[in-house]
Amino acid sequence: MKRLDSHAIGVDHGDLILFSDFEDDGEMWKGEGPRAARRTVTFSERFADMPVISLQMSMVDMSNDAYIRADLQPDGITETGFDIVFKTWGDSRIARIRVAWQAIGSLPSDDSWEL
């Protein structure tokens, strides 16, 4: 559990198309084996320290010809942003994914300063 010691708590969120490989026969749609897609998110304001990130697939368009294999994780979390990483493997065919994200953390305050 992350304890937030600040009285100024920020919540930032968004929803974005991570990829749409169906349109141009991209590797998520036509490829096989281990594959990954990565997209950088920049927060609207800087957090005081590393926030907690929550990710959800808000839209999934996959072929039903193979098993659905999906791994969605945040990576490289900092006070200013993070990367969304989606992975699949085997013969899974993913046309497109939309990801909703939320970041919750302490915000800088006028009371906090460094010497």
N, C-alpha and C. Protein backbone atom coordinates (compact mmCIF):
# COMPACT_ATOMS: atom_id res chain seq x y z
N MET A 1 0.85 -1.17 0.00
CA MET A 1 0.00 0.00 0.00
C MET A 1 0.89 1.23 0.00
N LYS A 2 0.50 2.21 -0.79
CA LYS A 2 1.22 3.48 -0.82
C LYS A 2 0.50 4.46 0.10
N ARG A 3 1.23 5.04 1.03
CA ARG A 3 0.67 6.04 1.94
C ARG A 3 0.92 7.42 1.35
N LEU A 4 -0.12 8.22 1.25
CA LEU A 4 -0.03 9.59 0.74
C LEU A 4 0.02 10.53 1.93
N ASP A 5 1.17 11.16 2.16
CA ASP A 5 1.36 12.02 3.32
C ASP A 5 0.97 13.47 3.07
N SER A 6 0.59 13.79 1.87
CA SER A 6 0.26 15.16 1.52
C SER A 6 -1.25 15.38 1.62
N HIS A 7 -1.64 16.61 1.94
CA HIS A 7 -3.07 16.94 1.91
C HIS A 7 -3.50 17.30 0.49
N ALA A 8 -2.53 17.49 -0.40
CA ALA A 8 -2.83 17.80 -1.81
C ALA A 8 -2.66 16.53 -2.64
N ILE A 9 -3.78 15.90 -2.99
CA ILE A 9 -3.78 14.67 -3.75
C ILE A 9 -4.28 14.97 -5.16
N GLY A 10 -3.57 14.45 -6.15
CA GLY A 10 -3.96 14.66 -7.55
C GLY A 10 -4.43 13.37 -8.18
N VAL A 11 -5.42 13.50 -9.06
CA VAL A 11 -5.90 12.38 -9.87
C VAL A 11 -5.89 12.85 -11.31
N ASP A 12 -5.12 12.17 -12.15
CA ASP A 12 -5.08 12.46 -13.58
C ASP A 12 -5.58 11.22 -14.30
N HIS A 13 -6.16 11.37 -15.48
CA HIS A 13 -6.68 10.21 -16.19
C HIS A 13 -6.76 10.50 -17.68
N GLY A 14 -6.91 9.44 -18.44
CA GLY A 14 -7.04 9.58 -19.89
C GLY A 14 -7.50 8.27 -20.50
N ASP A 15 -7.74 8.33 -21.79
CA ASP A 15 -8.22 7.18 -22.56
C ASP A 15 -7.62 7.33 -23.95
N LEU A 16 -6.84 6.35 -24.41
CA LEU A 16 -6.17 6.50 -25.70
C LEU A 16 -6.12 5.19 -26.46
N ILE A 17 -6.10 5.32 -27.79
CA ILE A 17 -5.90 4.16 -28.65
C ILE A 17 -4.41 3.82 -28.57
N LEU A 18 -4.10 2.63 -28.09
CA LEU A 18 -2.70 2.22 -27.97
C LEU A 18 -2.14 1.86 -29.34
N PHE A 19 -2.92 1.13 -30.12
CA PHE A 19 -2.54 0.83 -31.51
C PHE A 19 -3.79 0.40 -32.26
N SER A 20 -3.70 0.47 -33.59
CA SER A 20 -4.76 0.00 -34.47
C SER A 20 -4.08 -0.69 -35.65
N ASP A 21 -3.67 -1.93 -35.45
CA ASP A 21 -2.86 -2.65 -36.43
C ASP A 21 -3.68 -3.34 -37.51
N PHE A 22 -4.98 -3.38 -37.38
CA PHE A 22 -5.83 -4.00 -38.39
C PHE A 22 -5.79 -3.21 -39.69
N GLU A 23 -5.76 -1.90 -39.59
CA GLU A 23 -5.82 -1.02 -40.76
C GLU A 23 -4.64 -1.19 -41.71
N ASP A 24 -3.43 -1.44 -41.14
CA ASP A 24 -2.25 -1.51 -42.00
C ASP A 24 -1.49 -2.84 -41.85
N ASP A 25 -2.21 -3.89 -41.44
CA ASP A 25 -1.61 -5.22 -41.27
C ASP A 25 -0.35 -5.16 -40.40
N GLY A 26 -0.44 -4.42 -39.28
CA GLY A 26 0.68 -4.29 -38.36
C GLY A 26 0.99 -5.59 -37.64
N GLU A 27 2.08 -5.59 -36.86
CA GLU A 27 2.57 -6.83 -36.26
C GLU A 27 1.63 -7.43 -35.23
N MET A 28 0.83 -6.61 -34.55
CA MET A 28 -0.11 -7.17 -33.58
C MET A 28 -1.21 -7.97 -34.27
N TRP A 29 -1.53 -7.59 -35.51
CA TRP A 29 -2.59 -8.26 -36.25
C TRP A 29 -2.04 -9.42 -37.10
N LYS A 30 -0.93 -9.22 -37.77
CA LYS A 30 -0.40 -10.24 -38.68
C LYS A 30 0.76 -11.05 -38.10
N GLY A 31 1.41 -10.55 -37.06
CA GLY A 31 2.59 -11.22 -36.51
C GLY A 31 2.25 -12.42 -35.66
N GLU A 32 3.29 -13.15 -35.28
CA GLU A 32 3.18 -14.28 -34.37
C GLU A 32 4.33 -14.22 -33.39
N GLY A 33 4.19 -14.94 -32.27
CA GLY A 33 5.23 -14.94 -31.26
C GLY A 33 5.13 -13.74 -30.35
N PRO A 34 6.16 -13.48 -29.55
CA PRO A 34 6.13 -12.35 -28.61
C PRO A 34 6.12 -11.01 -29.35
N ARG A 35 5.18 -10.16 -28.97
CA ARG A 35 5.07 -8.81 -29.55
C ARG A 35 4.70 -7.84 -28.46
N ALA A 36 5.10 -6.58 -28.63
CA ALA A 36 4.78 -5.56 -27.63
C ALA A 36 4.51 -4.22 -28.31
N ALA A 37 3.63 -3.45 -27.68
CA ALA A 37 3.35 -2.07 -28.10
C ALA A 37 3.54 -1.20 -26.88
N ARG A 38 4.13 -0.01 -27.08
CA ARG A 38 4.43 0.90 -25.97
C ARG A 38 4.01 2.30 -26.38
N ARG A 39 3.42 3.03 -25.42
CA ARG A 39 3.03 4.42 -25.66
C ARG A 39 3.28 5.22 -24.39
N THR A 40 3.89 6.39 -24.56
CA THR A 40 4.22 7.26 -23.43
C THR A 40 3.05 8.18 -23.11
N VAL A 41 2.77 8.31 -21.81
CA VAL A 41 1.75 9.22 -21.30
C VAL A 41 2.46 10.28 -20.47
N THR A 42 2.12 11.55 -20.69
CA THR A 42 2.64 12.66 -19.89
C THR A 42 1.49 13.23 -19.08
N PHE A 43 1.70 13.35 -17.76
CA PHE A 43 0.66 13.86 -16.89
C PHE A 43 0.41 15.34 -17.17
N SER A 44 -0.80 15.82 -16.86
CA SER A 44 -1.14 17.22 -17.06
C SER A 44 -0.42 18.13 -16.07
N GLU A 45 -0.05 17.58 -14.91
CA GLU A 45 0.76 18.29 -13.91
C GLU A 45 1.73 17.31 -13.30
N ARG A 46 2.82 17.82 -12.75
CA ARG A 46 3.82 16.99 -12.09
C ARG A 46 3.32 16.56 -10.71
N PHE A 47 3.53 15.28 -10.37
CA PHE A 47 3.24 14.79 -9.02
C PHE A 47 4.46 15.06 -8.14
N ALA A 48 4.27 15.07 -6.82
CA ALA A 48 5.37 15.29 -5.89
C ALA A 48 6.30 14.08 -5.85
N ASP A 49 5.75 12.89 -6.01
CA ASP A 49 6.54 11.67 -6.11
C ASP A 49 5.81 10.71 -7.04
N MET A 50 6.33 9.52 -7.19
CA MET A 50 5.77 8.56 -8.14
C MET A 50 4.33 8.20 -7.77
N PRO A 51 3.36 8.45 -8.67
CA PRO A 51 1.96 8.11 -8.38
C PRO A 51 1.68 6.62 -8.59
N VAL A 52 0.51 6.21 -8.16
CA VAL A 52 0.01 4.86 -8.41
C VAL A 52 -0.77 4.91 -9.72
N ILE A 53 -0.52 3.94 -10.59
CA ILE A 53 -1.15 3.90 -11.92
C ILE A 53 -2.10 2.72 -12.00
N SER A 54 -3.27 2.95 -12.56
CA SER A 54 -4.24 1.89 -12.84
C SER A 54 -4.55 1.91 -14.34
N LEU A 55 -4.53 0.73 -14.96
CA LEU A 55 -4.82 0.60 -16.39
C LEU A 55 -5.99 -0.34 -16.60
N GLN A 56 -6.81 -0.03 -17.59
CA GLN A 56 -7.91 -0.91 -18.00
C GLN A 56 -8.00 -0.88 -19.52
N MET A 57 -8.26 -2.03 -20.11
CA MET A 57 -8.57 -2.05 -21.54
C MET A 57 -10.01 -1.57 -21.68
N SER A 58 -10.20 -0.40 -22.28
CA SER A 58 -11.55 0.15 -22.43
C SER A 58 -12.19 -0.26 -23.76
N MET A 59 -11.39 -0.82 -24.68
CA MET A 59 -11.91 -1.38 -25.92
C MET A 59 -10.89 -2.39 -26.42
N VAL A 60 -11.36 -3.57 -26.78
CA VAL A 60 -10.50 -4.63 -27.30
C VAL A 60 -11.14 -5.18 -28.57
N ASP A 61 -10.36 -5.25 -29.64
CA ASP A 61 -10.82 -5.82 -30.90
C ASP A 61 -9.82 -6.91 -31.27
N MET A 62 -10.20 -8.18 -31.04
CA MET A 62 -9.31 -9.32 -31.27
C MET A 62 -9.99 -10.36 -32.13
N SER A 63 -9.18 -11.10 -32.83
CA SER A 63 -9.69 -12.22 -33.62
C SER A 63 -10.12 -13.34 -32.68
N ASN A 64 -11.15 -14.08 -33.09
CA ASN A 64 -11.57 -15.23 -32.30
C ASN A 64 -11.02 -16.53 -32.88
N ASP A 65 -10.05 -16.43 -33.78
CA ASP A 65 -9.43 -17.62 -34.39
C ASP A 65 -8.35 -18.25 -33.52
N ALA A 66 -7.92 -17.56 -32.45
CA ALA A 66 -6.85 -18.06 -31.60
C ALA A 66 -7.15 -17.69 -30.15
N TYR A 67 -6.36 -18.23 -29.23
CA TYR A 67 -6.51 -17.85 -27.84
C TYR A 67 -6.18 -16.38 -27.64
N ILE A 68 -6.87 -15.77 -26.70
CA ILE A 68 -6.61 -14.37 -26.37
C ILE A 68 -5.51 -14.34 -25.32
N ARG A 69 -4.39 -13.71 -25.68
CA ARG A 69 -3.26 -13.58 -24.77
C ARG A 69 -2.95 -12.10 -24.66
N ALA A 70 -3.05 -11.56 -23.45
CA ALA A 70 -2.87 -10.12 -23.28
C ALA A 70 -2.25 -9.82 -21.92
N ASP A 71 -1.27 -8.92 -21.94
CA ASP A 71 -0.62 -8.46 -20.71
C ASP A 71 -0.52 -6.95 -20.82
N LEU A 72 -1.13 -6.22 -19.90
CA LEU A 72 -1.16 -4.75 -19.91
C LEU A 72 -0.54 -4.25 -18.62
N GLN A 73 0.54 -3.48 -18.72
CA GLN A 73 1.27 -3.02 -17.54
C GLN A 73 1.76 -1.58 -17.72
N PRO A 74 1.84 -0.81 -16.61
CA PRO A 74 2.55 0.48 -16.67
C PRO A 74 4.04 0.22 -16.51
N ASP A 75 4.87 1.07 -17.09
CA ASP A 75 6.32 0.90 -17.00
C ASP A 75 6.97 2.27 -16.93
N GLY A 76 8.10 2.35 -16.25
CA GLY A 76 8.86 3.59 -16.21
C GLY A 76 8.11 4.74 -15.56
N ILE A 77 7.40 4.48 -14.48
CA ILE A 77 6.59 5.51 -13.83
C ILE A 77 7.49 6.55 -13.17
N THR A 78 7.23 7.82 -13.46
CA THR A 78 7.94 8.93 -12.82
C THR A 78 6.90 9.95 -12.36
N GLU A 79 7.37 11.07 -11.83
CA GLU A 79 6.49 12.14 -11.39
C GLU A 79 5.82 12.85 -12.56
N THR A 80 6.34 12.66 -13.77
CA THR A 80 5.82 13.39 -14.93
C THR A 80 5.10 12.53 -15.95
N GLY A 81 5.19 11.19 -15.82
CA GLY A 81 4.53 10.33 -16.80
C GLY A 81 4.92 8.88 -16.65
N PHE A 82 4.53 8.07 -17.63
CA PHE A 82 4.81 6.64 -17.62
C PHE A 82 4.56 6.09 -19.02
N ASP A 83 4.92 4.84 -19.23
CA ASP A 83 4.64 4.15 -20.49
C ASP A 83 3.56 3.10 -20.25
N ILE A 84 2.66 2.97 -21.22
CA ILE A 84 1.70 1.87 -21.25
C ILE A 84 2.33 0.80 -22.14
N VAL A 85 2.42 -0.43 -21.63
CA VAL A 85 3.00 -1.53 -22.39
C VAL A 85 1.98 -2.65 -22.50
N PHE A 86 1.67 -3.02 -23.74
CA PHE A 86 0.78 -4.14 -24.01
C PHE A 86 1.61 -5.24 -24.68
N LYS A 87 1.48 -6.47 -24.20
CA LYS A 87 2.20 -7.60 -24.78
C LYS A 87 1.23 -8.71 -25.14
N THR A 88 1.56 -9.42 -26.20
CA THR A 88 0.84 -10.64 -26.56
C THR A 88 1.87 -11.63 -27.09
N TRP A 89 1.44 -12.86 -27.34
CA TRP A 89 2.36 -13.90 -27.79
C TRP A 89 1.58 -14.98 -28.50
N GLY A 90 2.30 -15.96 -29.01
CA GLY A 90 1.66 -17.07 -29.72
C GLY A 90 1.03 -16.58 -31.01
N ASP A 91 -0.14 -17.16 -31.33
CA ASP A 91 -0.82 -16.79 -32.57
C ASP A 91 -1.97 -15.81 -32.36
N SER A 92 -2.01 -15.16 -31.20
CA SER A 92 -3.06 -14.16 -30.93
C SER A 92 -3.01 -13.05 -31.96
N ARG A 93 -4.19 -12.63 -32.41
CA ARG A 93 -4.29 -11.54 -33.40
C ARG A 93 -5.12 -10.42 -32.79
N ILE A 94 -4.46 -9.28 -32.57
CA ILE A 94 -5.11 -8.14 -31.94
C ILE A 94 -5.21 -7.02 -32.96
N ALA A 95 -6.42 -6.60 -33.25
CA ALA A 95 -6.63 -5.54 -34.24
C ALA A 95 -6.35 -4.17 -33.63
N ARG A 96 -6.94 -3.91 -32.47
CA ARG A 96 -6.72 -2.62 -31.80
C ARG A 96 -7.09 -2.72 -30.33
N ILE A 97 -6.48 -1.81 -29.58
CA ILE A 97 -6.69 -1.73 -28.13
C ILE A 97 -6.81 -0.26 -27.75
N ARG A 98 -7.82 0.05 -26.93
CA ARG A 98 -7.91 1.37 -26.30
C ARG A 98 -7.70 1.15 -24.80
N VAL A 99 -6.90 2.02 -24.19
CA VAL A 99 -6.55 1.87 -22.79
C VAL A 99 -6.99 3.10 -22.00
N ALA A 100 -7.71 2.87 -20.91
CA ALA A 100 -8.04 3.93 -19.95
C ALA A 100 -7.01 3.86 -18.83
N TRP A 101 -6.51 5.01 -18.39
CA TRP A 101 -5.50 5.04 -17.33
C TRP A 101 -5.89 6.07 -16.28
N GLN A 102 -5.40 5.83 -15.07
CA GLN A 102 -5.62 6.76 -13.97
C GLN A 102 -4.37 6.78 -13.10
N ALA A 103 -3.94 7.98 -12.72
CA ALA A 103 -2.79 8.17 -11.83
C ALA A 103 -3.26 8.91 -10.59
N ILE A 104 -2.89 8.40 -9.42
CA ILE A 104 -3.25 9.03 -8.14
C ILE A 104 -1.98 9.18 -7.32
N GLY A 105 -1.76 10.41 -6.82
CA GLY A 105 -0.57 10.63 -6.01
C GLY A 105 -0.56 11.99 -5.36
N SER A 106 0.47 12.20 -4.55
CA SER A 106 0.66 13.48 -3.86
C SER A 106 1.08 14.56 -4.84
N LEU A 107 0.56 15.76 -4.63
CA LEU A 107 0.94 16.91 -5.43
C LEU A 107 1.91 17.78 -4.65
N PRO A 108 2.80 18.49 -5.35
CA PRO A 108 3.67 19.43 -4.65
C PRO A 108 2.83 20.49 -3.98
N SER A 109 3.27 20.97 -2.82
CA SER A 109 2.54 22.02 -2.14
C SER A 109 3.50 23.15 -1.82
N ASP A 110 2.95 24.32 -1.51
CA ASP A 110 3.77 25.47 -1.14
C ASP A 110 4.53 25.22 0.16
N ASP A 111 4.04 24.29 0.98
CA ASP A 111 4.68 23.98 2.25
C ASP A 111 5.90 23.08 2.11
N SER A 112 6.04 22.42 0.94
CA SER A 112 7.18 21.53 0.75
C SER A 112 8.23 22.22 -0.11
N TRP A 113 9.44 22.30 0.45
CA TRP A 113 10.55 22.92 -0.27
C TRP A 113 11.84 22.28 0.17
N GLU A 114 12.84 22.42 -0.66
CA GLU A 114 14.13 21.81 -0.38
C GLU A 114 15.18 22.87 -0.23
N LEU A 115 16.19 22.62 0.62
CA LEU A 115 17.32 23.50 0.78
C LEU A 115 18.40 23.18 -0.22
